[in-house]
């Protein structure tokens, strides 16, 4: 699971990504954002399978200002994967 794009716009945090090696398998993608003080927010969307990979489109979650760690994860009945943590600063 790789985060392809991520960011913060002052109100929300967002990320999208790809899962290689799980082609043709639908499932769910979840963005989990953890604040430096331990607060956690998350959002989930349906994954979109292609012949080459599984696409986790943009997932957006409301978040207050501060430093946040993003982890994008994918789960289906046959596979699961998580990205490396990525830090983003919410203005």
N, C-alpha and C. Protein backbone atom coordinates (compact mmCIF):
# COMPACT_ATOMS: atom_id res chain seq x y z
N UNK A 1 0.86 -1.16 0.00
CA UNK A 1 0.00 0.00 0.00
C UNK A 1 0.90 1.22 0.00
N UNK A 2 0.67 2.08 -0.96
CA UNK A 2 1.48 3.28 -1.10
C UNK A 2 0.58 4.51 -1.14
N UNK A 3 0.89 5.51 -0.31
CA UNK A 3 0.19 6.79 -0.41
C UNK A 3 0.76 7.52 -1.62
N UNK A 4 -0.11 7.85 -2.57
CA UNK A 4 0.32 8.52 -3.79
C UNK A 4 0.23 10.03 -3.64
N UNK A 5 -0.81 10.49 -2.96
CA UNK A 5 -1.06 11.91 -2.81
C UNK A 5 -1.64 12.15 -1.43
N UNK A 6 -1.28 13.27 -0.80
CA UNK A 6 -1.87 13.61 0.49
C UNK A 6 -1.75 15.12 0.70
N UNK A 7 -2.51 15.63 1.66
CA UNK A 7 -2.43 17.06 1.93
C UNK A 7 -3.36 17.49 3.04
N UNK A 8 -3.33 18.81 3.30
CA UNK A 8 -4.17 19.44 4.31
C UNK A 8 -4.59 20.79 3.78
N UNK A 9 -5.85 21.18 4.02
CA UNK A 9 -6.34 22.45 3.47
C UNK A 9 -6.86 23.41 4.53
N UNK A 10 -6.55 23.15 5.81
CA UNK A 10 -7.02 24.01 6.88
C UNK A 10 -8.29 23.52 7.55
N UNK A 11 -9.04 22.66 6.87
CA UNK A 11 -10.25 22.07 7.45
C UNK A 11 -10.21 20.55 7.41
N UNK A 12 -9.60 20.01 6.38
CA UNK A 12 -9.58 18.55 6.20
C UNK A 12 -8.17 18.07 5.86
N UNK A 13 -7.95 16.78 6.14
CA UNK A 13 -6.77 16.07 5.67
C UNK A 13 -7.24 15.08 4.63
N UNK A 14 -6.40 14.79 3.64
CA UNK A 14 -6.81 13.85 2.60
C UNK A 14 -5.62 13.04 2.11
N UNK A 15 -5.94 11.87 1.59
CA UNK A 15 -4.90 11.01 1.01
C UNK A 15 -5.55 10.06 0.02
N UNK A 16 -4.74 9.62 -0.94
CA UNK A 16 -5.15 8.58 -1.89
C UNK A 16 -3.96 7.66 -2.09
N UNK A 17 -4.22 6.45 -2.60
CA UNK A 17 -3.12 5.53 -2.77
C UNK A 17 -3.44 4.36 -3.66
N UNK A 18 -2.44 3.49 -3.80
CA UNK A 18 -2.53 2.29 -4.65
C UNK A 18 -2.04 1.08 -3.89
N UNK A 19 -2.68 -0.06 -4.19
CA UNK A 19 -2.22 -1.35 -3.68
C UNK A 19 -1.81 -2.17 -4.89
N UNK A 20 -0.54 -2.48 -5.01
CA UNK A 20 -0.09 -3.35 -6.09
C UNK A 20 -0.06 -4.78 -5.57
N UNK A 21 -0.20 -5.74 -6.45
CA UNK A 21 -0.19 -7.13 -6.05
C UNK A 21 -1.53 -7.65 -5.57
N UNK A 22 -2.56 -6.81 -5.62
CA UNK A 22 -3.90 -7.24 -5.20
C UNK A 22 -4.89 -6.94 -6.32
N UNK A 23 -4.43 -6.95 -7.55
CA UNK A 23 -5.25 -6.57 -8.69
C UNK A 23 -6.51 -7.42 -8.79
N UNK A 24 -7.59 -6.77 -9.14
CA UNK A 24 -8.85 -7.47 -9.36
C UNK A 24 -9.63 -7.77 -8.10
N UNK A 25 -9.17 -7.30 -6.96
CA UNK A 25 -9.83 -7.57 -5.70
C UNK A 25 -10.44 -6.29 -5.13
N UNK A 26 -11.76 -6.22 -5.09
CA UNK A 26 -12.40 -5.07 -4.46
C UNK A 26 -12.30 -5.20 -2.94
N UNK A 27 -12.47 -4.10 -2.25
CA UNK A 27 -12.41 -4.09 -0.80
C UNK A 27 -12.69 -2.70 -0.31
N UNK A 28 -12.14 -2.34 0.84
CA UNK A 28 -12.32 -1.00 1.38
C UNK A 28 -10.97 -0.37 1.68
N UNK A 29 -10.94 0.95 1.57
CA UNK A 29 -9.76 1.73 1.91
C UNK A 29 -10.11 2.64 3.07
N UNK A 30 -9.22 2.72 4.05
CA UNK A 30 -9.45 3.55 5.22
C UNK A 30 -8.27 4.46 5.45
N UNK A 31 -8.55 5.75 5.64
CA UNK A 31 -7.53 6.72 6.04
C UNK A 31 -7.68 6.94 7.54
N UNK A 32 -6.61 6.69 8.28
CA UNK A 32 -6.60 6.95 9.72
C UNK A 32 -5.59 8.06 9.99
N UNK A 33 -6.06 9.13 10.63
CA UNK A 33 -5.21 10.27 10.95
C UNK A 33 -5.11 10.37 12.47
N UNK A 34 -3.88 10.39 12.98
CA UNK A 34 -3.65 10.46 14.42
C UNK A 34 -2.92 11.76 14.74
N UNK A 35 -3.51 12.57 15.62
CA UNK A 35 -2.89 13.84 16.01
C UNK A 35 -1.77 13.59 17.01
N UNK A 36 -0.90 14.58 17.15
CA UNK A 36 0.22 14.45 18.08
C UNK A 36 -0.25 14.28 19.52
N UNK A 37 -1.49 14.71 19.83
CA UNK A 37 -2.03 14.55 21.19
C UNK A 37 -2.84 13.26 21.35
N UNK A 38 -2.85 12.41 20.30
CA UNK A 38 -3.51 11.12 20.40
C UNK A 38 -4.91 11.03 19.82
N UNK A 39 -5.50 12.16 19.43
CA UNK A 39 -6.83 12.11 18.81
C UNK A 39 -6.75 11.37 17.49
N UNK A 40 -7.82 10.62 17.16
CA UNK A 40 -7.85 9.82 15.93
C UNK A 40 -9.13 10.12 15.18
N UNK A 41 -9.00 10.37 13.87
CA UNK A 41 -10.15 10.49 12.98
C UNK A 41 -9.90 9.56 11.80
N UNK A 42 -10.99 9.04 11.21
CA UNK A 42 -10.81 8.14 10.08
C UNK A 42 -11.98 8.24 9.12
N UNK A 43 -11.72 7.81 7.89
CA UNK A 43 -12.74 7.76 6.86
C UNK A 43 -12.50 6.55 5.98
N UNK A 44 -13.58 5.99 5.43
CA UNK A 44 -13.49 4.77 4.62
C UNK A 44 -14.26 4.94 3.32
N UNK A 45 -13.69 4.41 2.23
CA UNK A 45 -14.37 4.38 0.94
C UNK A 45 -14.20 3.00 0.32
N UNK A 46 -14.98 2.72 -0.70
CA UNK A 46 -14.82 1.47 -1.44
C UNK A 46 -13.60 1.57 -2.34
N UNK A 47 -12.83 0.49 -2.40
CA UNK A 47 -11.68 0.42 -3.29
C UNK A 47 -12.16 0.13 -4.71
N UNK A 48 -11.34 0.50 -5.68
CA UNK A 48 -11.67 0.28 -7.08
C UNK A 48 -10.57 -0.57 -7.71
N UNK A 49 -10.91 -1.78 -8.10
CA UNK A 49 -9.93 -2.70 -8.66
C UNK A 49 -9.71 -2.41 -10.15
N UNK A 50 -8.44 -2.47 -10.57
CA UNK A 50 -8.07 -2.36 -11.98
C UNK A 50 -7.21 -3.59 -12.31
N UNK A 51 -6.90 -3.81 -13.58
CA UNK A 51 -6.04 -4.95 -13.91
C UNK A 51 -4.64 -4.88 -13.30
N UNK A 52 -4.15 -3.67 -13.00
CA UNK A 52 -2.79 -3.52 -12.52
C UNK A 52 -2.68 -3.34 -11.01
N UNK A 53 -3.72 -2.80 -10.37
CA UNK A 53 -3.63 -2.48 -8.95
C UNK A 53 -5.03 -2.20 -8.41
N UNK A 54 -5.09 -1.98 -7.11
CA UNK A 54 -6.33 -1.52 -6.48
C UNK A 54 -6.15 -0.05 -6.15
N UNK A 55 -7.11 0.76 -6.57
CA UNK A 55 -7.04 2.20 -6.37
C UNK A 55 -7.84 2.60 -5.15
N UNK A 56 -7.20 3.30 -4.25
CA UNK A 56 -7.88 3.92 -3.13
C UNK A 56 -7.96 5.41 -3.46
N UNK A 57 -9.12 5.83 -3.92
CA UNK A 57 -9.32 7.22 -4.31
C UNK A 57 -9.17 8.15 -3.12
N UNK A 58 -9.35 9.42 -3.33
CA UNK A 58 -9.14 10.41 -2.28
C UNK A 58 -10.12 10.23 -1.13
N UNK A 59 -9.58 10.11 0.07
CA UNK A 59 -10.36 10.03 1.29
C UNK A 59 -10.07 11.29 2.10
N UNK A 60 -11.11 11.96 2.53
CA UNK A 60 -10.97 13.22 3.27
C UNK A 60 -11.59 13.07 4.65
N UNK A 61 -10.89 13.60 5.68
CA UNK A 61 -11.42 13.61 7.05
C UNK A 61 -11.25 15.00 7.63
N UNK A 62 -12.22 15.45 8.42
CA UNK A 62 -12.14 16.74 9.09
C UNK A 62 -11.10 16.66 10.20
N UNK A 63 -10.27 17.70 10.31
CA UNK A 63 -9.22 17.68 11.32
C UNK A 63 -8.85 19.11 11.71
N UNK A 64 -8.58 19.31 12.99
CA UNK A 64 -8.16 20.61 13.50
C UNK A 64 -6.67 20.82 13.20
N UNK A 65 -6.18 22.01 13.50
CA UNK A 65 -4.79 22.34 13.22
C UNK A 65 -3.84 21.51 14.07
N UNK A 66 -2.64 21.31 13.55
CA UNK A 66 -1.61 20.57 14.26
C UNK A 66 -0.93 19.55 13.37
N UNK A 67 -0.04 18.77 13.98
CA UNK A 67 0.68 17.72 13.27
C UNK A 67 -0.14 16.43 13.33
N UNK A 68 -0.30 15.79 12.18
CA UNK A 68 -1.07 14.55 12.06
C UNK A 68 -0.25 13.50 11.34
N UNK A 69 -0.42 12.25 11.74
CA UNK A 69 0.20 11.12 11.07
C UNK A 69 -0.88 10.37 10.31
N UNK A 70 -0.68 10.20 9.00
CA UNK A 70 -1.65 9.54 8.15
C UNK A 70 -1.20 8.11 7.84
N UNK A 71 -2.15 7.18 7.91
CA UNK A 71 -1.91 5.80 7.48
C UNK A 71 -3.10 5.41 6.62
N UNK A 72 -2.81 4.96 5.41
CA UNK A 72 -3.84 4.49 4.49
C UNK A 72 -3.80 2.97 4.50
N UNK A 73 -4.96 2.34 4.68
CA UNK A 73 -5.00 0.89 4.73
C UNK A 73 -6.06 0.35 3.78
N UNK A 74 -5.86 -0.88 3.36
CA UNK A 74 -6.76 -1.56 2.43
C UNK A 74 -7.10 -2.92 3.01
N UNK A 75 -8.35 -3.32 2.88
CA UNK A 75 -8.75 -4.65 3.33
C UNK A 75 -9.81 -5.23 2.40
N UNK A 76 -9.66 -6.51 2.09
CA UNK A 76 -10.67 -7.25 1.33
C UNK A 76 -10.78 -8.63 1.97
N UNK A 77 -11.58 -9.49 1.38
CA UNK A 77 -11.72 -10.84 1.93
C UNK A 77 -10.47 -11.68 1.73
N UNK A 78 -9.57 -11.24 0.82
CA UNK A 78 -8.38 -12.04 0.51
C UNK A 78 -7.05 -11.34 0.75
N UNK A 79 -7.08 -10.03 1.05
CA UNK A 79 -5.82 -9.30 1.20
C UNK A 79 -5.99 -8.13 2.15
N UNK A 80 -4.86 -7.70 2.71
CA UNK A 80 -4.83 -6.51 3.57
C UNK A 80 -3.45 -5.87 3.45
N UNK A 81 -3.41 -4.54 3.53
CA UNK A 81 -2.14 -3.83 3.44
C UNK A 81 -2.29 -2.47 4.09
N UNK A 82 -1.18 -1.93 4.58
CA UNK A 82 -1.17 -0.59 5.16
C UNK A 82 0.06 0.16 4.65
N UNK A 83 -0.08 1.47 4.52
CA UNK A 83 1.03 2.31 4.08
C UNK A 83 1.96 2.58 5.24
N UNK A 84 3.13 3.07 4.92
CA UNK A 84 4.01 3.62 5.94
C UNK A 84 3.38 4.93 6.45
N UNK A 85 3.58 5.28 7.70
CA UNK A 85 3.02 6.53 8.23
C UNK A 85 3.63 7.74 7.52
N UNK A 86 2.77 8.72 7.27
CA UNK A 86 3.18 9.97 6.63
C UNK A 86 2.70 11.13 7.50
N UNK A 87 3.57 12.09 7.79
CA UNK A 87 3.22 13.22 8.64
C UNK A 87 2.82 14.42 7.78
N UNK A 88 1.75 15.08 8.21
CA UNK A 88 1.27 16.27 7.51
C UNK A 88 0.93 17.32 8.57
N UNK A 89 1.13 18.58 8.22
CA UNK A 89 0.82 19.68 9.14
C UNK A 89 -0.45 20.37 8.68
N UNK A 90 -1.44 20.37 9.56
CA UNK A 90 -2.72 21.05 9.27
C UNK A 90 -2.62 22.49 9.74
N UNK A 91 -2.75 23.46 8.82
CA UNK A 91 -2.61 24.87 9.22
C UNK A 91 -3.69 25.32 10.18
